[in-house]
């Protein structure tokens, strides 16, 4: 996980840790046109959030990362 993007990634994890959210809501809140801001992709690649049946949830790993924050 990029140390530069780490705070943003953890913000995304916290957003979905509050409650599972529809994929469209997450993308609407976290969409960016900047290819250098890969918050969503990095969170998924790091196993911090998961997408199942159109719903985004924080994983156990994501919740642990929040607890360490």
PDB file of N, CA and C in Angstrom:
ATOM      1  N   UNK A   1       0.851  -1.172   0.000  1.00  0.00           N
ATOM      2  CA  UNK A   1       0.000   0.000   0.000  1.00  0.00           C
ATOM      3  C   UNK A   1       0.895   1.232   0.000  1.00  0.00           C
ATOM      4  N   UNK A   2       0.620   2.141  -0.877  1.00  0.00           N
ATOM      5  CA  UNK A   2       1.397   3.369  -0.971  1.00  0.00           C
ATOM      6  C   UNK A   2       1.233   4.195   0.299  1.00  0.00           C
ATOM      7  N   UNK A   3       2.347   4.598   0.884  1.00  0.00           N
ATOM      8  CA  UNK A   3       2.283   5.413   2.102  1.00  0.00           C
ATOM      9  C   UNK A   3       1.629   6.765   1.828  1.00  0.00           C
ATOM     10  N   UNK A   4       1.753   7.247   0.599  1.00  0.00           N
ATOM     11  CA  UNK A   4       1.122   8.507   0.232  1.00  0.00           C
ATOM     12  C   UNK A   4      -0.388   8.375   0.245  1.00  0.00           C
ATOM     13  N   UNK A   5      -0.894   7.257  -0.252  1.00  0.00           N
ATOM     14  CA  UNK A   5      -2.337   7.055  -0.333  1.00  0.00           C
ATOM     15  C   UNK A   5      -2.921   6.385   0.911  1.00  0.00           C
ATOM     16  N   UNK A   6      -2.082   5.916   1.810  1.00  0.00           N
ATOM     17  CA  UNK A   6      -2.560   5.167   2.980  1.00  0.00           C
ATOM     18  C   UNK A   6      -3.696   5.870   3.734  1.00  0.00           C
ATOM     19  N   UNK A   7      -3.592   7.158   4.065  1.00  0.00           N
ATOM     20  CA  UNK A   7      -4.703   7.808   4.779  1.00  0.00           C
ATOM     21  C   UNK A   7      -6.018   7.765   3.990  1.00  0.00           C
ATOM     22  N   UNK A   8      -5.949   7.969   2.689  1.00  0.00           N
ATOM     23  CA  UNK A   8      -7.161   7.921   1.863  1.00  0.00           C
ATOM     24  C   UNK A   8      -7.729   6.514   1.794  1.00  0.00           C
ATOM     25  N   UNK A   9      -6.854   5.534   1.693  1.00  0.00           N
ATOM     26  CA  UNK A   9      -7.302   4.146   1.636  1.00  0.00           C
ATOM     27  C   UNK A   9      -8.001   3.782   2.936  1.00  0.00           C
ATOM     28  N   UNK A  10      -7.428   4.173   4.061  1.00  0.00           N
ATOM     29  CA  UNK A  10      -8.051   3.879   5.345  1.00  0.00           C
ATOM     30  C   UNK A  10      -9.359   4.643   5.524  1.00  0.00           C
ATOM     31  N   UNK A  11      -9.462   5.819   4.938  1.00  0.00           N
ATOM     32  CA  UNK A  11     -10.748   6.543   4.951  1.00  0.00           C
ATOM     33  C   UNK A  11     -11.812   5.751   4.194  1.00  0.00           C
ATOM     34  N   UNK A  12     -11.434   5.176   3.070  1.00  0.00           N
ATOM     35  CA  UNK A  12     -12.373   4.351   2.304  1.00  0.00           C
ATOM     36  C   UNK A  12     -12.787   3.132   3.116  1.00  0.00           C
ATOM     37  N   UNK A  13     -11.827   2.477   3.753  1.00  0.00           N
ATOM     38  CA  UNK A  13     -12.143   1.304   4.568  1.00  0.00           C
ATOM     39  C   UNK A  13     -13.090   1.703   5.699  1.00  0.00           C
ATOM     40  N   UNK A  14     -12.834   2.825   6.346  1.00  0.00           N
ATOM     41  CA  UNK A  14     -13.705   3.292   7.427  1.00  0.00           C
ATOM     42  C   UNK A  14     -15.109   3.574   6.903  1.00  0.00           C
ATOM     43  N   UNK A  15     -15.209   4.111   5.706  1.00  0.00           N
ATOM     44  CA  UNK A  15     -16.500   4.421   5.082  1.00  0.00           C
ATOM     45  C   UNK A  15     -17.349   3.158   4.935  1.00  0.00           C
ATOM     46  N   UNK A  16     -16.742   2.081   4.469  1.00  0.00           N
ATOM     47  CA  UNK A  16     -17.517   0.845   4.280  1.00  0.00           C
ATOM     48  C   UNK A  16     -17.577   0.012   5.557  1.00  0.00           C
ATOM     49  N   UNK A  17     -16.696   0.279   6.520  1.00  0.00           N
ATOM     50  CA  UNK A  17     -16.749  -0.448   7.793  1.00  0.00           C
ATOM     51  C   UNK A  17     -17.951   0.003   8.628  1.00  0.00           C
ATOM     52  N   UNK A  18     -18.406   1.247   8.408  1.00  0.00           N
ATOM     53  CA  UNK A  18     -19.586   1.740   9.128  1.00  0.00           C
ATOM     54  C   UNK A  18     -20.787   0.855   8.856  1.00  0.00           C
ATOM     55  N   UNK A  19     -20.928   0.478   7.604  1.00  0.00           N
ATOM     56  CA  UNK A  19     -22.003  -0.413   7.164  1.00  0.00           C
ATOM     57  C   UNK A  19     -21.693  -0.836   5.734  1.00  0.00           C
ATOM     58  N   UNK A  20     -22.105  -2.034   5.345  1.00  0.00           N
ATOM     59  CA  UNK A  20     -21.917  -2.423   3.937  1.00  0.00           C
ATOM     60  C   UNK A  20     -22.632  -1.409   3.039  1.00  0.00           C
ATOM     61  N   UNK A  21     -22.006  -1.109   1.918  1.00  0.00           N
ATOM     62  CA  UNK A  21     -22.565  -0.087   1.009  1.00  0.00           C
ATOM     63  C   UNK A  21     -22.655  -0.632  -0.408  1.00  0.00           C
ATOM     64  N   UNK A  22     -23.671  -0.200  -1.126  1.00  0.00           N
ATOM     65  CA  UNK A  22     -23.768  -0.599  -2.535  1.00  0.00           C
ATOM     66  C   UNK A  22     -22.554  -0.097  -3.316  1.00  0.00           C
ATOM     67  N   UNK A  23     -22.121  -0.911  -4.260  1.00  0.00           N
ATOM     68  CA  UNK A  23     -20.964  -0.588  -5.091  1.00  0.00           C
ATOM     69  C   UNK A  23     -21.104   0.795  -5.727  1.00  0.00           C
ATOM     70  N   UNK A  24     -22.288   1.104  -6.253  1.00  0.00           N
ATOM     71  CA  UNK A  24     -22.500   2.398  -6.915  1.00  0.00           C
ATOM     72  C   UNK A  24     -22.282   3.555  -5.942  1.00  0.00           C
ATOM     73  N   UNK A  25     -22.706   3.400  -4.706  1.00  0.00           N
ATOM     74  CA  UNK A  25     -22.514   4.449  -3.701  1.00  0.00           C
ATOM     75  C   UNK A  25     -21.028   4.648  -3.401  1.00  0.00           C
ATOM     76  N   UNK A  26     -20.305   3.551  -3.290  1.00  0.00           N
ATOM     77  CA  UNK A  26     -18.863   3.639  -3.006  1.00  0.00           C
ATOM     78  C   UNK A  26     -18.141   4.314  -4.162  1.00  0.00           C
ATOM     79  N   UNK A  27     -18.440   3.901  -5.379  1.00  0.00           N
ATOM     80  CA  UNK A  27     -17.764   4.522  -6.525  1.00  0.00           C
ATOM     81  C   UNK A  27     -18.139   5.980  -6.676  1.00  0.00           C
ATOM     82  N   UNK A  28     -19.375   6.322  -6.377  1.00  0.00           N
ATOM     83  CA  UNK A  28     -19.789   7.717  -6.458  1.00  0.00           C
ATOM     84  C   UNK A  28     -19.017   8.561  -5.449  1.00  0.00           C
ATOM     85  N   UNK A  29     -18.821   8.019  -4.250  1.00  0.00           N
ATOM     86  CA  UNK A  29     -18.112   8.760  -3.205  1.00  0.00           C
ATOM     87  C   UNK A  29     -16.601   8.781  -3.428  1.00  0.00           C
ATOM     88  N   UNK A  30     -16.047   7.745  -4.081  1.00  0.00           N
ATOM     89  CA  UNK A  30     -14.600   7.594  -4.183  1.00  0.00           C
ATOM     90  C   UNK A  30     -14.079   7.648  -5.613  1.00  0.00           C
ATOM     91  N   UNK A  31     -14.880   8.083  -6.535  1.00  0.00           N
ATOM     92  CA  UNK A  31     -14.441   8.166  -7.933  1.00  0.00           C
ATOM     93  C   UNK A  31     -13.423   9.285  -8.106  1.00  0.00           C
ATOM     94  N   UNK A  32     -12.469   9.034  -8.958  1.00  0.00           N
ATOM     95  CA  UNK A  32     -11.481  10.053  -9.293  1.00  0.00           C
ATOM     96  C   UNK A  32     -11.083   9.886 -10.750  1.00  0.00           C
ATOM     97  N   UNK A  33     -10.759  10.972 -11.376  1.00  0.00           N
ATOM     98  CA  UNK A  33     -10.286  10.901 -12.758  1.00  0.00           C
ATOM     99  C   UNK A  33      -8.761  10.907 -12.810  1.00  0.00           C
ATOM    100  N   UNK A  34      -8.134  10.980 -11.645  1.00  0.00           N
ATOM    101  CA  UNK A  34      -6.675  11.008 -11.594  1.00  0.00           C
ATOM    102  C   UNK A  34      -6.127   9.586 -11.516  1.00  0.00           C
ATOM    103  N   UNK A  35      -5.378   9.164 -12.516  1.00  0.00           N
ATOM    104  CA  UNK A  35      -4.858   7.794 -12.493  1.00  0.00           C
ATOM    105  C   UNK A  35      -3.864   7.536 -11.365  1.00  0.00           C
ATOM    106  N   UNK A  36      -3.361   8.578 -10.749  1.00  0.00           N
ATOM    107  CA  UNK A  36      -2.419   8.397  -9.638  1.00  0.00           C
ATOM    108  C   UNK A  36      -3.130   8.172  -8.307  1.00  0.00           C
ATOM    109  N   UNK A  37      -4.409   8.454  -8.245  1.00  0.00           N
ATOM    110  CA  UNK A  37      -5.176   8.225  -7.024  1.00  0.00           C
ATOM    111  C   UNK A  37      -5.967   6.933  -7.191  1.00  0.00           C
ATOM    112  N   UNK A  38      -5.326   5.865  -6.856  1.00  0.00           N
ATOM    113  CA  UNK A  38      -5.906   4.535  -7.062  1.00  0.00           C
ATOM    114  C   UNK A  38      -6.428   3.966  -5.742  1.00  0.00           C
ATOM    115  N   UNK A  39      -7.174   4.779  -5.019  1.00  0.00           N
ATOM    116  CA  UNK A  39      -7.629   4.412  -3.686  1.00  0.00           C
ATOM    117  C   UNK A  39      -8.444   3.119  -3.718  1.00  0.00           C
ATOM    118  N   UNK A  40      -9.456   3.068  -4.566  1.00  0.00           N
ATOM    119  CA  UNK A  40     -10.315   1.888  -4.645  1.00  0.00           C
ATOM    120  C   UNK A  40      -9.495   0.648  -5.015  1.00  0.00           C
ATOM    121  N   UNK A  41      -8.708   0.746  -6.063  1.00  0.00           N
ATOM    122  CA  UNK A  41      -7.935  -0.392  -6.535  1.00  0.00           C
ATOM    123  C   UNK A  41      -6.942  -0.867  -5.471  1.00  0.00           C
ATOM    124  N   UNK A  42      -6.289   0.074  -4.801  1.00  0.00           N
ATOM    125  CA  UNK A  42      -5.322  -0.302  -3.769  1.00  0.00           C
ATOM    126  C   UNK A  42      -5.993  -0.967  -2.578  1.00  0.00           C
ATOM    127  N   UNK A  43      -7.163  -0.486  -2.199  1.00  0.00           N
ATOM    128  CA  UNK A  43      -7.892  -1.089  -1.076  1.00  0.00           C
ATOM    129  C   UNK A  43      -8.303  -2.525  -1.404  1.00  0.00           C
ATOM    130  N   UNK A  44      -8.748  -2.747  -2.634  1.00  0.00           N
ATOM    131  CA  UNK A  44      -9.135  -4.103  -3.057  1.00  0.00           C
ATOM    132  C   UNK A  44      -7.896  -4.992  -3.148  1.00  0.00           C
ATOM    133  N   UNK A  45      -6.850  -4.495  -3.797  1.00  0.00           N
ATOM    134  CA  UNK A  45      -5.620  -5.281  -3.966  1.00  0.00           C
ATOM    135  C   UNK A  45      -5.001  -5.660  -2.629  1.00  0.00           C
ATOM    136  N   UNK A  46      -5.114  -4.788  -1.631  1.00  0.00           N
ATOM    137  CA  UNK A  46      -4.545  -5.059  -0.318  1.00  0.00           C
ATOM    138  C   UNK A  46      -5.444  -5.959   0.529  1.00  0.00           C
ATOM    139  N   UNK A  47      -6.622  -6.278   0.006  1.00  0.00           N
ATOM    140  CA  UNK A  47      -7.537  -7.146   0.747  1.00  0.00           C
ATOM    141  C   UNK A  47      -8.232  -6.445   1.896  1.00  0.00           C
ATOM    142  N   UNK A  48      -8.348  -5.121   1.815  1.00  0.00           N
ATOM    143  CA  UNK A  48      -8.967  -4.348   2.888  1.00  0.00           C
ATOM    144  C   UNK A  48     -10.470  -4.220   2.722  1.00  0.00           C
ATOM    145  N   UNK A  49     -10.933  -4.287   1.491  1.00  0.00           N
ATOM    146  CA  UNK A  49     -12.373  -4.268   1.197  1.00  0.00           C
ATOM    147  C   UNK A  49     -12.673  -5.358   0.184  1.00  0.00           C
ATOM    148  N   UNK A  50     -13.917  -5.747   0.159  1.00  0.00           N
ATOM    149  CA  UNK A  50     -14.335  -6.775  -0.783  1.00  0.00           C
ATOM    150  C   UNK A  50     -15.655  -6.370  -1.428  1.00  0.00           C
ATOM    151  N   UNK A  51     -15.848  -6.829  -2.646  1.00  0.00           N
ATOM    152  CA  UNK A  51     -17.085  -6.594  -3.378  1.00  0.00           C
ATOM    153  C   UNK A  51     -17.731  -7.941  -3.644  1.00  0.00           C
ATOM    154  N   UNK A  52     -18.930  -8.121  -3.101  1.00  0.00           N
ATOM    155  CA  UNK A  52     -19.672  -9.358  -3.314  1.00  0.00           C
ATOM    156  C   UNK A  52     -21.128  -9.011  -3.557  1.00  0.00           C
ATOM    157  N   UNK A  53     -21.668  -9.521  -4.656  1.00  0.00           N
ATOM    158  CA  UNK A  53     -23.078  -9.313  -4.998  1.00  0.00           C
ATOM    159  C   UNK A  53     -23.456  -7.840  -5.007  1.00  0.00           C
ATOM    160  N   UNK A  54     -22.548  -7.005  -5.495  1.00  0.00           N
ATOM    161  CA  UNK A  54     -22.839  -5.576  -5.628  1.00  0.00           C
ATOM    162  C   UNK A  54     -22.734  -4.785  -4.335  1.00  0.00           C
ATOM    163  N   UNK A  55     -22.201  -5.408  -3.272  1.00  0.00           N
ATOM    164  CA  UNK A  55     -22.081  -4.744  -1.973  1.00  0.00           C
ATOM    165  C   UNK A  55     -20.608  -4.738  -1.556  1.00  0.00           C
ATOM    166  N   UNK A  56     -20.145  -3.586  -1.089  1.00  0.00           N
ATOM    167  CA  UNK A  56     -18.761  -3.424  -0.644  1.00  0.00           C
ATOM    168  C   UNK A  56     -18.731  -3.490   0.883  1.00  0.00           C
ATOM    169  N   UNK A  57     -17.819  -4.307   1.383  1.00  0.00           N
ATOM    170  CA  UNK A  57     -17.663  -4.480   2.825  1.00  0.00           C
ATOM    171  C   UNK A  57     -16.188  -4.388   3.193  1.00  0.00           C
ATOM    172  N   UNK A  58     -15.931  -3.955   4.418  1.00  0.00           N
ATOM    173  CA  UNK A  58     -14.569  -4.011   4.948  1.00  0.00           C
ATOM    174  C   UNK A  58     -14.281  -5.460   5.319  1.00  0.00           C
ATOM    175  N   UNK A  59     -13.097  -5.919   5.035  1.00  0.00           N
ATOM    176  CA  UNK A  59     -12.687  -7.269   5.410  1.00  0.00           C
ATOM    177  C   UNK A  59     -12.138  -7.245   6.838  1.00  0.00           C
ATOM    178  N   UNK A  60     -11.886  -8.424   7.385  1.00  0.00           N
ATOM    179  CA  UNK A  60     -11.244  -8.488   8.703  1.00  0.00           C
ATOM    180  C   UNK A  60      -9.892  -7.779   8.655  1.00  0.00           C
ATOM    181  N   UNK A  61      -9.184  -7.982   7.565  1.00  0.00           N
ATOM    182  CA  UNK A  61      -7.880  -7.319   7.397  1.00  0.00           C
ATOM    183  C   UNK A  61      -8.041  -5.796   7.380  1.00  0.00           C
ATOM    184  N   UNK A  62      -9.096  -5.309   6.729  1.00  0.00           N
ATOM    185  CA  UNK A  62      -9.360  -3.880   6.697  1.00  0.00           C
ATOM    186  C   UNK A  62      -9.693  -3.325   8.064  1.00  0.00           C
ATOM    187  N   UNK A  63     -10.491  -4.064   8.827  1.00  0.00           N
ATOM    188  CA  UNK A  63     -10.841  -3.638  10.188  1.00  0.00           C
ATOM    189  C   UNK A  63      -9.593  -3.635  11.087  1.00  0.00           C
ATOM    190  N   UNK A  64      -8.714  -4.592  10.892  1.00  0.00           N
ATOM    191  CA  UNK A  64      -7.463  -4.624  11.662  1.00  0.00           C
ATOM    192  C   UNK A  64      -6.596  -3.420  11.311  1.00  0.00           C
ATOM    193  N   UNK A  65      -6.548  -3.057  10.043  1.00  0.00           N
ATOM    194  CA  UNK A  65      -5.772  -1.882   9.627  1.00  0.00           C
ATOM    195  C   UNK A  65      -6.341  -0.608  10.271  1.00  0.00           C
ATOM    196  N   UNK A  66      -7.654  -0.532  10.376  1.00  0.00           N
ATOM    197  CA  UNK A  66      -8.274   0.625  11.029  1.00  0.00           C
ATOM    198  C   UNK A  66      -7.922   0.663  12.516  1.00  0.00           C
ATOM    199  N   UNK A  67      -7.918  -0.495  13.150  1.00  0.00           N
ATOM    200  CA  UNK A  67      -7.619  -0.551  14.581  1.00  0.00           C
ATOM    201  C   UNK A  67      -6.179  -0.117  14.861  1.00  0.00           C
ATOM    202  N   UNK A  68      -5.272  -0.376  13.911  1.00  0.00           N
ATOM    203  CA  UNK A  68      -3.868   0.015  14.070  1.00  0.00           C
ATOM    204  C   UNK A  68      -3.635   1.502  13.755  1.00  0.00           C
ATOM    205  N   UNK A  69      -4.593   2.116  13.119  1.00  0.00           N
ATOM    206  CA  UNK A  69      -4.436   3.501  12.652  1.00  0.00           C
ATOM    207  C   UNK A  69      -4.229   4.446  13.774  1.00  0.00           C
TER     208      UNK A  69
END
